[in-house]
């Protein structure tokens, strides 16, 4: 169960990074992740 949650979290963080591209400040990626979390349920 925990492994699945970790994999899902990593997948979502990679999606956010791929969508935004490299070179942004960490806060930009954090905000993108926060917007995606409600979709995860």
N, C-alpha and C. Protein backbone atom coordinates (compact mmCIF):
# COMPACT_ATOMS: atom_id res chain seq x y z
N UNK A 1 0.83 -1.20 0.00
CA UNK A 1 0.00 0.00 0.00
C UNK A 1 0.87 1.26 0.00
N UNK A 2 1.82 1.33 0.91
CA UNK A 2 2.68 2.51 0.97
C UNK A 2 3.52 2.63 -0.29
N UNK A 3 3.99 1.49 -0.79
CA UNK A 3 4.78 1.52 -2.03
C UNK A 3 3.99 2.12 -3.18
N UNK A 4 2.72 1.78 -3.24
CA UNK A 4 1.86 2.31 -4.31
C UNK A 4 1.70 3.83 -4.17
N UNK A 5 1.56 4.30 -2.94
CA UNK A 5 1.44 5.74 -2.70
C UNK A 5 2.71 6.48 -3.09
N UNK A 6 3.85 5.87 -2.77
CA UNK A 6 5.13 6.49 -3.12
C UNK A 6 5.28 6.55 -4.63
N UNK A 7 4.98 5.45 -5.30
CA UNK A 7 5.08 5.42 -6.76
C UNK A 7 4.17 6.46 -7.38
N UNK A 8 2.95 6.59 -6.87
CA UNK A 8 2.01 7.58 -7.40
C UNK A 8 2.53 8.99 -7.17
N UNK A 9 3.10 9.24 -6.00
CA UNK A 9 3.65 10.56 -5.71
C UNK A 9 4.82 10.91 -6.62
N UNK A 10 5.69 9.95 -6.85
CA UNK A 10 6.83 10.18 -7.75
C UNK A 10 6.34 10.42 -9.17
N UNK A 11 5.35 9.63 -9.59
CA UNK A 11 4.81 9.80 -10.95
C UNK A 11 4.22 11.19 -11.13
N UNK A 12 3.47 11.65 -10.14
CA UNK A 12 2.86 12.98 -10.24
C UNK A 12 3.92 14.09 -10.22
N UNK A 13 4.96 13.90 -9.44
CA UNK A 13 6.02 14.92 -9.42
C UNK A 13 6.75 14.96 -10.76
N UNK A 14 6.95 13.80 -11.37
CA UNK A 14 7.59 13.77 -12.69
C UNK A 14 6.70 14.41 -13.75
N UNK A 15 5.39 14.19 -13.64
CA UNK A 15 4.46 14.82 -14.58
C UNK A 15 4.53 16.34 -14.47
N UNK A 16 4.56 16.84 -13.25
CA UNK A 16 4.64 18.28 -13.03
C UNK A 16 5.95 18.83 -13.60
N UNK A 17 7.04 18.12 -13.36
CA UNK A 17 8.34 18.57 -13.86
C UNK A 17 8.37 18.55 -15.38
N UNK A 18 7.84 17.49 -15.98
CA UNK A 18 7.83 17.40 -17.44
C UNK A 18 6.96 18.48 -18.06
N UNK A 19 5.86 18.80 -17.43
CA UNK A 19 4.96 19.82 -17.97
C UNK A 19 5.60 21.21 -17.89
N UNK A 20 6.27 21.50 -16.77
CA UNK A 20 6.85 22.83 -16.57
C UNK A 20 8.22 22.98 -17.20
N UNK A 21 8.94 21.87 -17.31
CA UNK A 21 10.30 21.93 -17.82
C UNK A 21 11.29 22.22 -16.70
N UNK A 22 12.54 22.14 -17.03
CA UNK A 22 13.61 22.32 -16.05
C UNK A 22 13.92 23.80 -15.83
N UNK A 23 14.57 24.09 -14.71
CA UNK A 23 15.09 25.42 -14.48
C UNK A 23 14.25 26.32 -13.58
N UNK A 24 13.14 25.82 -13.08
CA UNK A 24 12.30 26.63 -12.20
C UNK A 24 12.75 26.48 -10.75
N UNK A 25 12.36 27.41 -9.92
CA UNK A 25 12.63 27.30 -8.49
C UNK A 25 11.76 26.18 -7.92
N UNK A 26 12.21 25.62 -6.82
CA UNK A 26 11.51 24.51 -6.18
C UNK A 26 10.06 24.86 -5.87
N UNK A 27 9.81 26.10 -5.49
CA UNK A 27 8.46 26.52 -5.12
C UNK A 27 7.48 26.37 -6.29
N UNK A 28 7.96 26.57 -7.50
CA UNK A 28 7.09 26.44 -8.68
C UNK A 28 6.61 25.00 -8.80
N UNK A 29 7.53 24.04 -8.62
CA UNK A 29 7.16 22.63 -8.70
C UNK A 29 6.25 22.24 -7.54
N UNK A 30 6.50 22.81 -6.37
CA UNK A 30 5.66 22.51 -5.21
C UNK A 30 4.23 22.98 -5.45
N UNK A 31 4.07 24.17 -6.01
CA UNK A 31 2.73 24.68 -6.29
C UNK A 31 2.02 23.82 -7.33
N UNK A 32 2.75 23.37 -8.32
CA UNK A 32 2.16 22.49 -9.34
C UNK A 32 1.69 21.18 -8.70
N UNK A 33 2.48 20.65 -7.78
CA UNK A 33 2.10 19.42 -7.09
C UNK A 33 0.85 19.65 -6.23
N UNK A 34 0.79 20.77 -5.55
CA UNK A 34 -0.37 21.06 -4.71
C UNK A 34 -1.66 21.13 -5.52
N UNK A 35 -1.56 21.61 -6.75
CA UNK A 35 -2.74 21.68 -7.61
C UNK A 35 -3.16 20.29 -8.08
N UNK A 36 -2.20 19.37 -8.19
CA UNK A 36 -2.48 18.01 -8.65
C UNK A 36 -3.01 17.11 -7.54
N UNK A 37 -2.71 17.41 -6.29
CA UNK A 37 -3.09 16.52 -5.19
C UNK A 37 -4.58 16.23 -5.11
N UNK A 38 -5.46 17.21 -5.28
CA UNK A 38 -6.90 16.89 -5.20
C UNK A 38 -7.33 15.84 -6.23
N UNK A 39 -6.65 15.78 -7.37
CA UNK A 39 -6.98 14.79 -8.39
C UNK A 39 -6.64 13.38 -7.92
N UNK A 40 -5.69 13.27 -6.99
CA UNK A 40 -5.24 11.97 -6.52
C UNK A 40 -6.25 11.33 -5.57
N UNK A 41 -7.08 12.16 -4.97
CA UNK A 41 -8.12 11.64 -4.08
C UNK A 41 -7.74 11.52 -2.69
